[in-house]
Every structure is written in C-alpha cells, then in structure tokens.
Amino acid sequence: LISGLVSTELEQTLAETEVNLEGSELAPSMTNISGEYAFPDMPMNGQYQVKPKSDDDYLNGVTTLDLVKIQRHLLGIENLDSPYKLIAADVNADDDLRANDLSELRKLILGVITELPTNDSWRFVDASYTFTDPNRPWPFKESIVLNELADNAMNNHFIAVKIGDVNHSVNIENFQGSIGQRSDNHGFISIEDADFVRSEKLTIPVR
C-alpha cells in the first residue's frame, strides 16, 4: 500500500489534490477532506514515483500584500522567514527571486493574465526533505521515489506551497467543498509613477 498526506506549512490539510503514481497504470488518487491519499496494493519490488499536482485557482490567497512582502524581502527590509515562503515567492519558477517575480504576480492580480505561464498554482515538497540552504531552497524535492517496494509505504507526505501566497492567506476551505468559490470581482487603484524622497508628503487622488 502506498499512501500519505498533503498539507501546508501550517499543517492545513489539502483536499481534492491530484496525486500521481508514475511507474504504474493507475489513475491519479485524489486526496480526501483530511488531505490523505492512497493507492491500491502494488506488486512487490516495483519502482514508483509519487508526485502531486494542482494547477487551478491561481488567485486564491494572492493579494497585493504578498507583493509588498516579496518586495520588502528583495529590498532587504524584512526577509521571508521560511524556505516554503521563498518557493511561493518564486512566481516565474526560475529558482531565484527577482523583480520579474513581482511583475508576473502583479499581472495575475490585475487580471492581465489568468494563470502563471511558467509555474503551477501549487508546488509540493517532500515533507521529509531537508533543505541544504533554507535561504536558497532550490532545487527541492518535488516527488518521492520508491525503489524496490518491499512493504507498505505509508508516510509519503508532502508540504503544499501556494505560489504567490507568502502570508498564508490561501482559503483552504475552497478545496474541502464546504463553501463556494469567492467572487472574481476586484477593484483596483492605480497612480502614475512619481519621483519622491523619504518622508515627503504625497497627495494621491482617488476618483
């Protein structure tokens, strides 16, 4: 038996997540409301790779506050304090944090794009993986390889990372079927770029 759990860094379980068992002909297993998945009994001595995938609901948990937090990290004002937050901030999946990540996330928030062209909505990290450098978590282990399956493999757990959400505001209940999807209607305020100095008083018109 091959099974495990999918949950966030804050131990919130993730339901309705697709988990694939590569090396078999089985259909993907979907996590239940407790974040658990399981595959039927597999032949002994088989070689398999367990890999979750979720690529929808891009805006869930993604707000302008995430933009601010990522920008503060890039400026060295307030660092993102976990490797999972750094992975979430790598919006364009190039294994680095730069201004390009802010640009992609801003386009998503403003509705210029509806999905990330080079990244999935969620990424998953082997929960047993130890980061060599937590301040630079790339590359990280996104699947669990089972070589020569000899017994039940029941602790194949994953940490789910919502891309773009660095303040853990994702609405997990949406994945548990207990409430409806939030409205996609948003309001935005934009102003023209302007030069200013620290402590200068600014007047921003809102019309």
C-alpha atoms as a PDB file:
ATOM      1  CA  LEU A   1       0.000   0.000   0.000  1.00  0.00           C
ATOM      2  CA  ILE A   2       1.318   3.443  -0.984  1.00  0.00           C
ATOM      3  CA  SER A   3      -0.266   6.349   0.891  1.00  0.00           C
ATOM      4  CA  GLY A   4       0.451   9.695   2.512  1.00  0.00           C
ATOM      5  CA  LEU A   5      -0.745  13.163   3.479  1.00  0.00           C
ATOM      6  CA  VAL A   6      -0.757  16.534   1.707  1.00  0.00           C
ATOM      7  CA  SER A   7      -0.780  19.623   3.949  1.00  0.00           C
ATOM      8  CA  THR A   8       0.561  23.173   4.057  1.00  0.00           C
ATOM      9  CA  GLU A   9       3.444  24.511   6.110  1.00  0.00           C
ATOM     10  CA  LEU A  10       0.844  25.427   8.756  1.00  0.00           C
ATOM     11  CA  GLU A  11      -0.424  21.810   8.764  1.00  0.00           C
ATOM     12  CA  GLN A  12      -3.664  22.658   6.956  1.00  0.00           C
ATOM     13  CA  THR A  13      -4.690  19.561   5.019  1.00  0.00           C
ATOM     14  CA  LEU A  14      -5.407  19.935   1.314  1.00  0.00           C
ATOM     15  CA  ALA A  15      -8.380  18.092  -0.169  1.00  0.00           C
ATOM     16  CA  GLU A  16      -9.087  17.369  -3.853  1.00  0.00           C
ATOM     17  CA  THR A  17      -5.390  17.310  -4.779  1.00  0.00           C
ATOM     18  CA  GLU A  18      -4.295  15.022  -7.592  1.00  0.00           C
ATOM     19  CA  VAL A  19      -1.514  12.576  -6.666  1.00  0.00           C
ATOM     20  CA  ASN A  20       0.072  10.566  -9.473  1.00  0.00           C
ATOM     21  CA  LEU A  21       1.864   7.238  -9.130  1.00  0.00           C
ATOM     22  CA  GLU A  22       4.315   7.188 -12.014  1.00  0.00           C
ATOM     23  CA  GLY A  23       5.531   3.726 -12.946  1.00  0.00           C
ATOM     24  CA  SER A  24       2.021   2.319 -12.648  1.00  0.00           C
ATOM     25  CA  GLU A  25      -1.025   2.361 -14.874  1.00  0.00           C
ATOM     26  CA  LEU A  26      -3.289   3.574 -12.073  1.00  0.00           C
ATOM     27  CA  ALA A  27      -5.404   6.694 -12.363  1.00  0.00           C
ATOM     28  CA  PRO A  28      -4.376   9.536 -10.026  1.00  0.00           C
ATOM     29  CA  SER A  29      -5.541   9.353  -6.427  1.00  0.00           C
ATOM     30  CA  MET A  30      -7.390  12.415  -5.091  1.00  0.00           C
ATOM     31  CA  THR A  31      -6.796  13.487  -1.500  1.00  0.00           C
ATOM     32  CA  ASN A  32      -9.823  13.311   0.787  1.00  0.00           C
ATOM     33  CA  ILE A  33     -11.072  16.023   3.150  1.00  0.00           C
ATOM     34  CA  SER A  34      -8.283  15.072   5.579  1.00  0.00           C
ATOM     35  CA  GLY A  35      -5.618  15.534   2.907  1.00  0.00           C
ATOM     36  CA  GLU A  36      -4.968  11.785   2.701  1.00  0.00           C
ATOM     37  CA  TYR A  37      -4.380   9.777  -0.458  1.00  0.00           C
ATOM     38  CA  ALA A  38      -3.844   6.061  -1.022  1.00  0.00           C
ATOM     39  CA  PHE A  39      -3.206   3.695  -3.911  1.00  0.00           C
ATOM     40  CA  PRO A  40      -4.269   0.035  -4.024  1.00  0.00           C
ATOM     41  CA  ASP A  41      -1.812  -2.744  -3.243  1.00  0.00           C
ATOM     42  CA  MET A  42       1.042  -2.658  -5.744  1.00  0.00           C
ATOM     43  CA  PRO A  43       3.321  -5.521  -6.876  1.00  0.00           C
ATOM     44  CA  MET A  44       6.334  -6.114  -4.645  1.00  0.00           C
ATOM     45  CA  ASN A  45       9.763  -4.930  -5.847  1.00  0.00           C
ATOM     46  CA  GLY A  46       8.189  -2.334  -8.143  1.00  0.00           C
ATOM     47  CA  GLN A  47       9.711   1.104  -8.694  1.00  0.00           C
ATOM     48  CA  TYR A  48       7.375   4.069  -8.430  1.00  0.00           C
ATOM     49  CA  GLN A  49       7.404   7.828  -8.167  1.00  0.00           C
ATOM     50  CA  VAL A  50       4.741   9.679  -6.156  1.00  0.00           C
ATOM     51  CA  LYS A  51       4.051  13.210  -7.396  1.00  0.00           C
ATOM     52  CA  PRO A  52       1.139  15.571  -6.516  1.00  0.00           C
ATOM     53  CA  LYS A  53      -0.168  18.222  -8.898  1.00  0.00           C
ATOM     54  CA  SER A  54      -2.648  21.090  -8.604  1.00  0.00           C
ATOM     55  CA  ASP A  55      -2.885  23.772 -11.261  1.00  0.00           C
ATOM     56  CA  ASP A  56      -6.015  25.853 -10.739  1.00  0.00           C
ATOM     57  CA  ASP A  57      -7.412  28.664  -8.559  1.00  0.00           C
ATOM     58  CA  TYR A  58      -4.332  30.830  -9.140  1.00  0.00           C
ATOM     59  CA  LEU A  59      -5.691  33.884  -7.298  1.00  0.00           C
ATOM     60  CA  ASN A  60      -6.647  32.053  -4.118  1.00  0.00           C
ATOM     61  CA  GLY A  61      -4.542  33.596  -1.340  1.00  0.00           C
ATOM     62  CA  VAL A  62      -2.755  36.013  -3.688  1.00  0.00           C
ATOM     63  CA  THR A  63      -3.151  39.716  -2.850  1.00  0.00           C
ATOM     64  CA  THR A  64      -1.227  42.968  -3.026  1.00  0.00           C
ATOM     65  CA  LEU A  65       0.024  42.250   0.495  1.00  0.00           C
ATOM     66  CA  ASP A  66       2.027  39.378  -0.974  1.00  0.00           C
ATOM     67  CA  LEU A  67       3.538  41.815  -3.476  1.00  0.00           C
ATOM     68  CA  VAL A  68       4.571  44.090  -0.617  1.00  0.00           C
ATOM     69  CA  LYS A  69       6.120  41.256   1.393  1.00  0.00           C
ATOM     70  CA  ILE A  70       8.095  39.926  -1.579  1.00  0.00           C
ATOM     71  CA  GLN A  71       9.300  43.443  -2.397  1.00  0.00           C
ATOM     72  CA  ARG A  72      10.397  44.022   1.208  1.00  0.00           C
ATOM     73  CA  HIS A  73      12.365  40.781   1.023  1.00  0.00           C
ATOM     74  CA  LEU A  74      14.060  41.838  -2.227  1.00  0.00           C
ATOM     75  CA  LEU A  75      14.969  45.193  -0.680  1.00  0.00           C
ATOM     76  CA  GLY A  76      16.412  43.532   2.416  1.00  0.00           C
ATOM     77  CA  ILE A  77      13.888  45.212   4.722  1.00  0.00           C
ATOM     78  CA  GLU A  78      12.103  42.103   6.012  1.00  0.00           C
ATOM     79  CA  ASN A  79      13.166  38.649   4.890  1.00  0.00           C
ATOM     80  CA  LEU A  80      10.741  35.843   4.149  1.00  0.00           C
ATOM     81  CA  ASP A  81      11.380  33.518   7.058  1.00  0.00           C
ATOM     82  CA  SER A  82      10.926  30.007   5.654  1.00  0.00           C
ATOM     83  CA  PRO A  83      12.065  28.067   2.577  1.00  0.00           C
ATOM     84  CA  TYR A  84       8.418  27.406   1.696  1.00  0.00           C
ATOM     85  CA  LYS A  85       7.666  31.146   1.574  1.00  0.00           C
ATOM     86  CA  LEU A  86      10.682  31.603  -0.702  1.00  0.00           C
ATOM     87  CA  ILE A  87       9.357  28.890  -3.013  1.00  0.00           C
ATOM     88  CA  ALA A  88       5.963  30.650  -3.011  1.00  0.00           C
ATOM     89  CA  ALA A  89       7.659  33.930  -3.934  1.00  0.00           C
ATOM     90  CA  ASP A  90       9.431  32.405  -6.941  1.00  0.00           C
ATOM     91  CA  VAL A  91       6.459  33.163  -9.160  1.00  0.00           C
ATOM     92  CA  ASN A  92       8.162  32.502 -12.507  1.00  0.00           C
ATOM     93  CA  ALA A  93       9.847  29.274 -11.300  1.00  0.00           C
ATOM     94  CA  ASP A  94      13.393  30.237 -12.289  1.00  0.00           C
ATOM     95  CA  ASP A  95      14.861  29.184  -8.911  1.00  0.00           C
ATOM     96  CA  ASP A  96      15.599  32.747  -7.866  1.00  0.00           C
ATOM     97  CA  LEU A  97      13.826  35.837  -6.515  1.00  0.00           C
ATOM     98  CA  ARG A  98      13.952  38.955  -8.667  1.00  0.00           C
ATOM     99  CA  ALA A  99      11.819  41.829  -9.873  1.00  0.00           C
ATOM    100  CA  ASN A 100      10.445  39.547 -12.603  1.00  0.00           C
ATOM    101  CA  ASP A 101       8.543  37.619  -9.948  1.00  0.00           C
ATOM    102  CA  LEU A 102       6.836  40.820  -8.789  1.00  0.00           C
ATOM    103  CA  SER A 103       5.939  41.671 -12.373  1.00  0.00           C
ATOM    104  CA  GLU A 104       4.311  38.278 -13.002  1.00  0.00           C
ATOM    105  CA  LEU A 105       2.396  38.375  -9.725  1.00  0.00           C
ATOM    106  CA  ARG A 106       1.165  41.911 -10.405  1.00  0.00           C
ATOM    107  CA  LYS A 107      -0.166  40.828 -13.819  1.00  0.00           C
ATOM    108  CA  LEU A 108      -2.040  37.976 -12.147  1.00  0.00           C
ATOM    109  CA  ILE A 109      -3.595  40.220  -9.507  1.00  0.00           C
ATOM    110  CA  LEU A 110      -4.627  42.837 -12.071  1.00  0.00           C
ATOM    111  CA  GLY A 111      -6.201  40.218 -14.325  1.00  0.00           C
ATOM    112  CA  VAL A 112      -3.770  40.792 -17.195  1.00  0.00           C
ATOM    113  CA  ILE A 113      -3.097  37.050 -17.050  1.00  0.00           C
ATOM    114  CA  THR A 114      -5.323  34.352 -15.538  1.00  0.00           C
ATOM    115  CA  GLU A 115      -2.602  31.783 -14.865  1.00  0.00           C
ATOM    116  CA  LEU A 116       1.160  31.737 -14.493  1.00  0.00           C
ATOM    117  CA  PRO A 117       2.799  30.837 -17.824  1.00  0.00           C
ATOM    118  CA  THR A 118       5.874  29.143 -16.298  1.00  0.00           C
ATOM    119  CA  ASN A 119       4.595  27.844 -12.970  1.00  0.00           C
ATOM    120  CA  ASP A 120       1.773  25.832 -11.458  1.00  0.00           C
ATOM    121  CA  SER A 121      -0.684  27.243  -8.940  1.00  0.00           C
ATOM    122  CA  TRP A 122       0.667  24.861  -6.286  1.00  0.00           C
ATOM    123  CA  ARG A 123       4.059  23.235  -5.777  1.00  0.00           C
ATOM    124  CA  PHE A 124       4.690  20.273  -3.496  1.00  0.00           C
ATOM    125  CA  VAL A 125       7.766  19.442  -1.445  1.00  0.00           C
ATOM    126  CA  ASP A 126       8.635  16.043   0.001  1.00  0.00           C
ATOM    127  CA  ALA A 127       7.899  16.617   3.703  1.00  0.00           C
ATOM    128  CA  SER A 128      10.977  14.616   4.718  1.00  0.00           C
ATOM    129  CA  TYR A 129      13.297  16.710   2.539  1.00  0.00           C
ATOM    130  CA  THR A 130      15.975  18.722   4.356  1.00  0.00           C
ATOM    131  CA  PHE A 131      16.958  21.925   2.562  1.00  0.00           C
ATOM    132  CA  THR A 132      20.706  22.275   2.071  1.00  0.00           C
ATOM    133  CA  ASP A 133      20.338  26.054   2.400  1.00  0.00           C
ATOM    134  CA  PRO A 134      16.911  27.189   3.720  1.00  0.00           C
ATOM    135  CA  ASN A 135      17.672  30.695   2.396  1.00  0.00           C
ATOM    136  CA  ARG A 136      18.075  29.290  -1.119  1.00  0.00           C
ATOM    137  CA  PRO A 137      15.771  26.271  -1.233  1.00  0.00           C
ATOM    138  CA  TRP A 138      16.235  25.469  -4.940  1.00  0.00           C
ATOM    139  CA  PRO A 139      16.218  22.886  -6.308  1.00  0.00           C
ATOM    140  CA  PHE A 140      13.962  20.973  -3.946  1.00  0.00           C
ATOM    141  CA  LYS A 141      12.476  17.500  -3.978  1.00  0.00           C
ATOM    142  CA  GLU A 142       9.007  17.516  -5.593  1.00  0.00           C
ATOM    143  CA  SER A 143       8.401  13.779  -5.752  1.00  0.00           C
ATOM    144  CA  ILE A 144       9.081  10.664  -3.708  1.00  0.00           C
ATOM    145  CA  VAL A 145      10.828   7.775  -5.416  1.00  0.00           C
ATOM    146  CA  LEU A 146      10.098   4.279  -4.134  1.00  0.00           C
ATOM    147  CA  ASN A 147      12.761   1.816  -5.259  1.00  0.00           C
ATOM    148  CA  GLU A 148      12.037  -1.910  -4.992  1.00  0.00           C
ATOM    149  CA  LEU A 149       8.830  -1.609  -2.992  1.00  0.00           C
ATOM    150  CA  ALA A 150       9.118  -4.276  -0.274  1.00  0.00           C
ATOM    151  CA  ASP A 151       6.466  -3.280   2.281  1.00  0.00           C
ATOM    152  CA  ASN A 152       3.700  -0.779   2.903  1.00  0.00           C
ATOM    153  CA  ALA A 153       4.885   2.770   2.105  1.00  0.00           C
ATOM    154  CA  MET A 154       2.531   4.847   4.214  1.00  0.00           C
ATOM    155  CA  ASN A 155       4.481   8.003   5.092  1.00  0.00           C
ATOM    156  CA  ASN A 156       4.828   9.665   1.721  1.00  0.00           C
ATOM    157  CA  HIS A 157       3.846  13.121   2.931  1.00  0.00           C
ATOM    158  CA  PHE A 158       4.079  16.422   1.044  1.00  0.00           C
ATOM    159  CA  ILE A 159       4.113  20.099   2.010  1.00  0.00           C
ATOM    160  CA  ALA A 160       1.838  22.092  -0.320  1.00  0.00           C
ATOM    161  CA  VAL A 161       3.012  25.586  -1.323  1.00  0.00           C
ATOM    162  CA  LYS A 162       0.558  28.063  -2.889  1.00  0.00           C
ATOM    163  CA  ILE A 163       2.564  30.058  -5.406  1.00  0.00           C
ATOM    164  CA  GLY A 164       2.387  33.808  -4.786  1.00  0.00           C
ATOM    165  CA  ASP A 165       0.941  33.436  -1.285  1.00  0.00           C
ATOM    166  CA  VAL A 166       3.730  34.303   1.179  1.00  0.00           C
ATOM    167  CA  ASN A 167       1.463  35.279   4.097  1.00  0.00           C
ATOM    168  CA  HIS A 168      -0.549  32.025   4.238  1.00  0.00           C
ATOM    169  CA  SER A 169      -3.896  33.635   3.364  1.00  0.00           C
ATOM    170  CA  VAL A 170      -4.991  30.874   0.965  1.00  0.00           C
ATOM    171  CA  ASN A 171      -8.564  29.733   1.603  1.00  0.00           C
ATOM    172  CA  ILE A 172      -8.076  26.014   2.203  1.00  0.00           C
ATOM    173  CA  GLU A 173     -11.832  25.525   2.725  1.00  0.00           C
ATOM    174  CA  ASN A 174     -12.330  26.019  -1.002  1.00  0.00           C
ATOM    175  CA  PHE A 175     -10.552  22.700  -1.513  1.00  0.00           C
ATOM    176  CA  GLN A 176     -12.745  20.917   1.011  1.00  0.00           C
ATOM    177  CA  GLY A 177     -16.020  21.649  -0.727  1.00  0.00           C
ATOM    178  CA  SER A 178     -17.513  23.337   2.336  1.00  0.00           C
ATOM    179  CA  ILE A 179     -18.030  26.788   0.814  1.00  0.00           C
ATOM    180  CA  GLY A 180     -18.382  28.252  -2.641  1.00  0.00           C
ATOM    181  CA  GLN A 181     -15.673  29.919  -4.644  1.00  0.00           C
ATOM    182  CA  ARG A 182     -15.101  33.574  -3.820  1.00  0.00           C
ATOM    183  CA  SER A 183     -16.113  36.161  -6.382  1.00  0.00           C
ATOM    184  CA  ASP A 184     -13.527  37.106  -9.003  1.00  0.00           C
ATOM    185  CA  ASN A 185     -14.704  40.736  -8.955  1.00  0.00           C
ATOM    186  CA  HIS A 186     -11.915  43.081  -7.875  1.00  0.00           C
ATOM    187  CA  GLY A 187     -11.410  46.807  -7.675  1.00  0.00           C
ATOM    188  CA  PHE A 188      -8.026  48.414  -8.304  1.00  0.00           C
ATOM    189  CA  ILE A 189      -6.472  51.816  -7.795  1.00  0.00           C
ATOM    190  CA  SER A 190      -3.504  52.883  -9.912  1.00  0.00           C
ATOM    191  CA  ILE A 191      -1.478  56.103  -9.963  1.00  0.00           C
ATOM    192  CA  GLU A 192       1.160  57.469 -12.297  1.00  0.00           C
ATOM    193  CA  ASP A 193       4.791  56.889 -11.369  1.00  0.00           C
ATOM    194  CA  ALA A 194       6.298  59.826  -9.483  1.00  0.00           C
ATOM    195  CA  ASP A 195       9.700  60.662  -8.012  1.00  0.00           C
ATOM    196  CA  PHE A 196       9.766  61.431  -4.310  1.00  0.00           C
ATOM    197  CA  VAL A 197      12.134  61.384  -1.354  1.00  0.00           C
ATOM    198  CA  ARG A 198      11.865  59.745   2.055  1.00  0.00           C
ATOM    199  CA  SER A 199       9.404  61.499   4.415  1.00  0.00           C
ATOM    200  CA  GLU A 200       7.990  63.650   1.620  1.00  0.00           C
ATOM    201  CA  LYS A 201       4.217  64.081   1.922  1.00  0.00           C
ATOM    202  CA  LEU A 202       2.343  62.733  -1.087  1.00  0.00           C
ATOM    203  CA  THR A 203      -1.176  63.505  -2.242  1.00  0.00           C
ATOM    204  CA  ILE A 204      -2.824  60.651  -4.122  1.00  0.00           C
ATOM    205  CA  PRO A 205      -6.120  61.494  -5.784  1.00  0.00           C
ATOM    206  CA  VAL A 206      -8.837  58.811  -5.707  1.00  0.00           C
ATOM    207  CA  ARG A 207     -11.683  59.365  -8.167  1.00  0.00           C
END
